[in-house]
Amino acid sequence: MLMVYLDMPYITEAKRYDLVLTPQFYIYTKEPLPVRYTHQATNLAAAILDDLTEDRAYKYAAIKSGDEWMLFAYDVEKIAHFLESKGLSRSHINKIYFTQQLHEKLENPISLDEKMALADANGTVVMLPKMLMEDAVFSTFDDSMRPKIGFGFDHGYDSYISQKQAIIISVLLTMFSGGYIIEGMGYQDSIAKLETRVESAKEKYPSLKNKSNLVLRNLYKTGYKVDSKQRKIRDRLKDISQLTSKESKIDKLTIDEKSYAVEISASKKSMKKLNEYAKVKGLVVKSTKDTLKLKGAL
């Protein structure tokens, strides 16, 4: 594992490294989010960290921490160029971690070099000059401190798959492929039975007898589109209903086959969570000034 900080020494041994990024190479915040899954929190990270990331292209990562989420933004190109200046090529970068993941292990500051150390400041890992910690007992970073969750350098998700796991996945895929072949044979039998039913329906209903399969398919699709529109309306109403609680209520709601518009009044305390939940559900937020206003197309 390689601790990455601005004054780190030049790398002389060419091999693959797992990186541990110090706060000099990532942006961090911790937020309570109304989501269950990591990919949902990762998608929200871009909006939450927007004011801190300027106009540069960042990758994002999220880690569950109790009832909150640790959110990270990191500039892949900036890190890659810096490490190249230190003798490490992009091809030798494996997984990455963030020093914030070490905050529970920082009973003693971790020494980086003669001048700087990592320390925990009220739950946030920071870099501080050693001269400010005269009585501190410094520890050394080693592999025993490796965090449980790592991320691919170019991707914001868990990326580690061991050789054993890869073999298991290959076996499972082979089993699935065999299942698909058997299932395909079943589909052929079902198609044959369906064609028999179509011919039977044509005999039963003379108006369909001279209709081509293309016309019959169009008739079916027309009915399907109507059902699809109704389903979209029901799904959107379900998403909107999740925004109501003891602290929020719907003041105005308009919805039809093409669009929806809704206004929800809520306390300032819950407005932020409602806004974040709406974005997760794909609801278009138009305003959160006095009320939460949502408007978009179905």
Protein backbone atom coordinates (compact mmCIF):
# COMPACT_ATOMS: atom_id res chain seq x y z
CA MET A 1 0.00 0.00 0.00
CA LEU A 2 1.21 3.47 -0.89
CA MET A 3 0.32 6.62 1.07
CA VAL A 4 -0.14 9.49 -1.42
CA TYR A 5 0.70 13.04 -0.31
CA LEU A 6 2.36 16.02 -1.98
CA ASP A 7 5.81 15.61 -0.37
CA MET A 8 5.95 11.82 -0.72
CA PRO A 9 9.30 10.36 -1.83
CA TYR A 10 10.07 9.30 -5.42
CA ILE A 11 8.97 5.72 -6.21
CA THR A 12 11.90 3.56 -7.33
CA GLU A 13 10.27 0.11 -7.39
CA ALA A 14 7.97 -0.53 -10.38
CA LYS A 15 5.11 -2.74 -9.17
CA ARG A 16 1.36 -2.51 -8.64
CA TYR A 17 0.28 -0.41 -5.66
CA ASP A 18 -2.92 0.15 -3.72
CA LEU A 19 -3.18 3.88 -3.05
CA VAL A 20 -4.23 5.50 0.20
CA LEU A 21 -5.19 9.08 -0.67
CA THR A 22 -4.59 11.76 1.94
CA PRO A 23 -6.97 14.76 2.23
CA GLN A 24 -4.72 16.62 -0.25
CA PHE A 25 -6.19 14.44 -3.01
CA TYR A 26 -9.88 14.15 -2.22
CA ILE A 27 -12.91 16.19 -1.16
CA TYR A 28 -15.01 14.78 1.67
CA THR A 29 -18.29 15.32 3.47
CA LYS A 30 -20.61 13.23 5.59
CA GLU A 31 -24.38 13.39 5.12
CA PRO A 32 -27.54 11.54 6.20
CA LEU A 33 -29.19 10.43 2.94
CA PRO A 34 -32.61 8.80 2.42
CA VAL A 35 -31.14 5.94 0.37
CA ARG A 36 -30.29 2.28 0.98
CA TYR A 37 -27.76 1.43 -1.69
CA THR A 38 -24.22 2.59 -2.42
CA HIS A 39 -24.87 3.43 -6.06
CA GLN A 40 -27.75 5.72 -5.02
CA ALA A 41 -25.52 7.59 -2.54
CA THR A 42 -22.74 7.80 -5.16
CA ASN A 43 -25.17 9.38 -7.63
CA LEU A 44 -26.16 11.99 -5.04
CA ALA A 45 -22.53 12.78 -4.17
CA ALA A 46 -22.04 14.83 -7.34
CA ALA A 47 -24.88 17.22 -6.43
CA ILE A 48 -23.92 17.46 -2.76
CA LEU A 49 -20.23 18.16 -3.46
CA ASP A 50 -20.93 20.39 -6.46
CA ASP A 51 -19.93 23.64 -4.71
CA LEU A 52 -16.52 22.17 -3.83
CA THR A 53 -15.56 20.48 -7.09
CA GLU A 54 -15.47 23.57 -9.34
CA ASP A 55 -15.59 22.63 -13.05
CA ARG A 56 -13.17 19.69 -13.00
CA ALA A 57 -14.12 16.11 -13.85
CA TYR A 58 -14.31 14.14 -10.62
CA LYS A 59 -15.06 10.55 -9.77
CA TYR A 60 -17.28 9.91 -6.75
CA ALA A 61 -17.44 7.25 -4.05
CA ALA A 62 -19.75 6.59 -1.10
CA ILE A 63 -19.34 4.49 2.05
CA LYS A 64 -22.06 3.76 4.60
CA SER A 65 -21.15 4.93 8.12
CA GLY A 66 -23.83 4.24 10.71
CA ASP A 67 -26.91 6.29 9.77
CA GLU A 68 -24.87 8.53 7.46
CA TRP A 69 -22.85 8.28 4.24
CA MET A 70 -19.23 9.29 3.74
CA LEU A 71 -19.03 10.95 0.31
CA PHE A 72 -15.79 11.44 -1.63
CA ALA A 73 -14.78 13.22 -4.83
CA TYR A 74 -11.37 12.60 -6.41
CA ASP A 75 -9.70 13.85 -9.59
CA VAL A 76 -8.32 10.78 -11.39
CA GLU A 77 -6.25 12.74 -13.91
CA LYS A 78 -4.70 15.00 -11.27
CA ILE A 79 -3.70 11.98 -9.17
CA ALA A 80 -2.35 10.07 -12.20
CA HIS A 81 -0.22 13.02 -13.37
CA PHE A 82 1.12 13.59 -9.86
CA LEU A 83 2.11 9.94 -9.45
CA GLU A 84 3.79 9.93 -12.88
CA SER A 85 5.95 12.82 -11.62
CA LYS A 86 6.86 10.56 -8.69
CA GLY A 87 7.80 7.62 -10.95
CA LEU A 88 4.56 5.58 -10.84
CA SER A 89 2.65 4.96 -14.08
CA ARG A 90 -1.13 4.68 -14.27
CA SER A 91 -0.83 0.99 -15.23
CA HIS A 92 0.66 0.23 -11.80
CA ILE A 93 -2.29 1.68 -9.86
CA ASN A 94 -4.62 -0.95 -8.44
CA LYS A 95 -7.23 -0.04 -5.82
CA ILE A 96 -7.61 3.22 -3.90
CA TYR A 97 -8.62 4.00 -0.33
CA PHE A 98 -9.17 7.27 1.54
CA THR A 99 -7.43 8.14 4.79
CA GLN A 100 -10.84 9.15 6.13
CA GLN A 101 -11.55 5.42 6.33
CA LEU A 102 -8.83 5.19 9.01
CA HIS A 103 -10.43 7.65 11.46
CA GLU A 104 -11.46 4.91 13.93
CA LYS A 105 -7.87 3.59 13.98
CA LEU A 106 -6.20 6.94 14.67
CA GLU A 107 -5.78 6.67 18.42
CA ASN A 108 -2.26 7.88 17.69
CA PRO A 109 -1.37 10.11 14.73
CA ILE A 110 0.16 8.36 11.74
CA SER A 111 3.55 9.71 10.74
CA LEU A 112 3.93 10.60 7.03
CA ASP A 113 7.42 12.13 7.04
CA GLU A 114 9.59 14.29 9.27
CA LYS A 115 7.18 17.21 9.12
CA MET A 116 3.62 15.95 8.66
CA ALA A 117 1.24 13.42 10.22
CA LEU A 118 -2.35 12.25 9.88
CA ALA A 119 -4.62 12.90 12.85
CA ASP A 120 -8.30 12.61 13.74
CA ALA A 121 -10.06 15.93 14.35
CA ASN A 122 -13.60 15.32 15.63
CA GLY A 123 -14.12 12.38 13.29
CA THR A 124 -12.41 13.91 10.27
CA VAL A 125 -8.90 12.82 9.21
CA VAL A 126 -6.61 15.81 8.56
CA MET A 127 -2.93 16.44 7.85
CA LEU A 128 -1.14 18.46 10.52
CA PRO A 129 2.45 19.58 11.14
CA LYS A 130 4.14 17.45 13.78
CA MET A 131 5.30 20.62 15.50
CA LEU A 132 1.69 21.14 16.63
CA MET A 133 1.66 17.70 18.29
CA GLU A 134 4.70 17.87 20.56
CA ASP A 135 3.51 15.27 23.07
CA ALA A 136 1.99 12.86 20.53
CA VAL A 137 3.12 9.27 20.11
CA PHE A 138 3.21 8.60 16.37
CA SER A 139 2.34 5.29 14.76
CA THR A 140 3.38 3.93 11.35
CA PHE A 141 0.91 2.98 8.64
CA ASP A 142 1.02 -0.69 7.62
CA ASP A 143 -1.15 -3.27 5.85
CA SER A 144 -2.98 -4.20 9.07
CA MET A 145 -4.77 -0.83 8.81
CA ARG A 146 -6.14 -1.61 5.33
CA PRO A 147 -9.82 -0.51 5.16
CA LYS A 148 -12.46 -3.10 4.26
CA ILE A 149 -13.80 -1.19 1.24
CA GLY A 150 -11.63 -0.22 -1.73
CA PHE A 151 -12.42 1.42 -5.06
CA GLY A 152 -11.20 1.05 -8.61
CA PHE A 153 -8.99 3.95 -9.63
CA ASP A 154 -11.20 4.84 -12.61
CA HIS A 155 -14.51 3.73 -11.08
CA GLY A 156 -16.55 4.72 -8.00
CA TYR A 157 -17.50 1.25 -6.81
CA ASP A 158 -16.00 -1.77 -5.06
CA SER A 159 -13.69 -3.33 -7.60
CA TYR A 160 -11.77 -6.13 -5.94
CA ILE A 161 -12.48 -9.69 -7.18
CA SER A 162 -10.11 -12.41 -6.10
CA GLN A 163 -8.99 -15.21 -8.39
CA LYS A 164 -11.16 -17.65 -6.46
CA GLN A 165 -14.18 -15.38 -6.87
CA ALA A 166 -13.45 -15.02 -10.59
CA ILE A 167 -13.41 -18.82 -11.00
CA ILE A 168 -16.71 -19.15 -9.13
CA ILE A 169 -18.29 -16.46 -11.31
CA SER A 170 -17.02 -18.21 -14.47
CA VAL A 171 -18.57 -21.50 -13.33
CA LEU A 172 -21.87 -19.78 -12.53
CA LEU A 173 -21.92 -18.08 -15.94
CA THR A 174 -21.33 -21.45 -17.63
CA MET A 175 -24.23 -22.92 -15.66
CA PHE A 176 -26.43 -19.96 -16.59
CA SER A 177 -25.55 -20.35 -20.28
CA GLY A 178 -26.70 -23.98 -20.15
CA GLY A 179 -29.89 -22.87 -18.47
CA TYR A 180 -30.48 -20.26 -21.18
CA ILE A 181 -30.17 -22.94 -23.89
CA ILE A 182 -32.78 -25.08 -22.15
CA GLU A 183 -34.95 -22.01 -21.61
CA GLY A 184 -34.58 -21.09 -25.31
CA MET A 185 -35.89 -24.51 -26.29
CA GLY A 186 -38.84 -23.88 -24.03
CA TYR A 187 -39.44 -20.52 -25.73
CA GLN A 188 -39.54 -22.22 -29.14
CA ASP A 189 -42.25 -24.56 -27.86
CA SER A 190 -44.18 -21.60 -26.41
CA ILE A 191 -43.94 -19.69 -29.71
CA ALA A 192 -45.35 -22.66 -31.59
CA LYS A 193 -48.26 -22.88 -29.14
CA LEU A 194 -48.82 -19.11 -29.41
CA GLU A 195 -48.99 -19.32 -33.21
CA THR A 196 -51.60 -22.08 -32.86
CA ARG A 197 -53.64 -19.83 -30.55
CA VAL A 198 -53.40 -16.93 -33.02
CA GLU A 199 -54.71 -19.09 -35.82
CA SER A 200 -57.47 -20.34 -33.53
CA ALA A 201 -58.43 -16.73 -32.68
CA LYS A 202 -58.60 -15.87 -36.39
CA GLU A 203 -60.99 -18.76 -36.93
CA LYS A 204 -63.12 -17.65 -33.96
CA TYR A 205 -63.22 -13.96 -34.95
CA PRO A 206 -63.74 -13.57 -38.70
CA SER A 207 -62.77 -9.86 -38.56
CA LEU A 208 -59.21 -10.92 -37.71
CA LYS A 209 -59.00 -13.73 -40.25
CA ASN A 210 -57.57 -11.69 -43.11
CA LYS A 211 -55.37 -9.48 -40.93
CA SER A 212 -51.65 -9.93 -41.30
CA ASN A 213 -49.41 -10.66 -38.32
CA LEU A 214 -48.05 -7.11 -38.66
CA VAL A 215 -51.54 -5.62 -38.25
CA LEU A 216 -52.26 -7.88 -35.28
CA ARG A 217 -48.96 -6.85 -33.70
CA ASN A 218 -49.84 -3.16 -34.12
CA LEU A 219 -53.23 -3.75 -32.49
CA TYR A 220 -51.48 -5.39 -29.56
CA LYS A 221 -48.90 -2.60 -29.24
CA THR A 222 -51.63 0.05 -29.24
CA GLY A 223 -53.27 -1.64 -26.27
CA TYR A 224 -49.88 -2.07 -24.60
CA LYS A 225 -49.05 1.63 -24.95
CA VAL A 226 -52.29 2.59 -23.17
CA ASP A 227 -51.47 0.20 -20.32
CA SER A 228 -47.87 1.47 -20.25
CA LYS A 229 -49.01 5.08 -19.84
CA GLN A 230 -51.33 4.16 -16.96
CA ARG A 231 -48.50 2.26 -15.29
CA LYS A 232 -46.18 5.28 -15.58
CA ILE A 233 -48.82 7.45 -13.92
CA ARG A 234 -49.26 4.93 -11.08
CA ASP A 235 -45.48 4.64 -10.57
CA ARG A 236 -45.04 8.42 -10.52
CA LEU A 237 -47.88 8.81 -8.00
CA LYS A 238 -46.20 6.16 -5.84
CA ASP A 239 -42.89 8.10 -5.92
CA ILE A 240 -44.65 11.36 -5.04
CA SER A 241 -46.55 9.75 -2.17
CA GLN A 242 -43.23 8.78 -0.55
CA LEU A 243 -42.52 12.51 -0.09
CA THR A 244 -45.41 12.94 2.35
CA SER A 245 -45.07 12.50 6.10
CA LYS A 246 -45.99 14.17 9.38
CA GLU A 247 -43.68 17.04 8.43
CA SER A 248 -44.75 17.42 4.80
CA LYS A 249 -47.96 17.53 2.78
CA ILE A 250 -49.02 17.94 -0.84
CA ASP A 251 -50.57 21.34 -1.54
CA LYS A 252 -51.08 20.91 -5.27
CA LEU A 253 -50.89 17.96 -7.65
CA THR A 254 -51.49 17.76 -11.40
CA ILE A 255 -50.73 14.62 -13.40
CA ASP A 256 -51.78 13.28 -16.80
CA GLU A 257 -50.42 11.02 -19.53
CA LYS A 258 -47.68 13.48 -20.49
CA SER A 259 -46.49 15.33 -17.40
CA TYR A 260 -46.79 15.94 -13.68
CA ALA A 261 -46.55 18.97 -11.38
CA VAL A 262 -46.64 18.95 -7.61
CA GLU A 263 -46.06 21.41 -4.75
CA ILE A 264 -45.18 20.11 -1.30
CA SER A 265 -44.88 22.18 1.85
CA ALA A 266 -42.48 20.94 4.51
CA SER A 267 -40.37 22.06 7.42
CA LYS A 268 -36.93 23.47 6.70
CA LYS A 269 -35.46 20.50 8.56
CA SER A 270 -36.99 17.92 6.21
CA MET A 271 -36.80 19.96 2.96
CA LYS A 272 -33.23 18.88 2.18
CA LYS A 273 -34.03 15.18 2.60
CA LEU A 274 -37.14 15.51 0.45
CA ASN A 275 -35.10 17.26 -2.24
CA GLU A 276 -32.47 14.51 -2.22
CA TYR A 277 -35.09 11.74 -2.29
CA ALA A 278 -36.87 13.41 -5.22
CA LYS A 279 -33.62 13.45 -7.22
CA VAL A 280 -32.98 9.77 -6.45
CA LYS A 281 -36.43 8.91 -7.81
CA GLY A 282 -35.84 10.92 -10.98
CA LEU A 283 -38.32 13.66 -10.05
CA VAL A 284 -37.42 17.03 -11.58
CA VAL A 285 -36.97 19.64 -8.85
CA LYS A 286 -37.89 23.15 -10.00
CA SER A 287 -37.69 25.02 -6.69
CA THR A 288 -37.07 24.49 -2.97
CA LYS A 289 -37.31 28.12 -1.87
CA ASP A 290 -40.62 28.14 0.05
CA THR A 291 -42.11 24.84 -1.07
CA LEU A 292 -40.74 21.82 -2.90
CA LYS A 293 -41.91 22.22 -6.50
CA LEU A 294 -41.57 19.29 -8.88
CA LYS A 295 -42.42 19.33 -12.56
CA GLY A 296 -41.49 17.02 -15.41
CA ALA A 297 -42.55 14.72 -18.21
CA LEU A 298 -43.68 11.13 -17.73
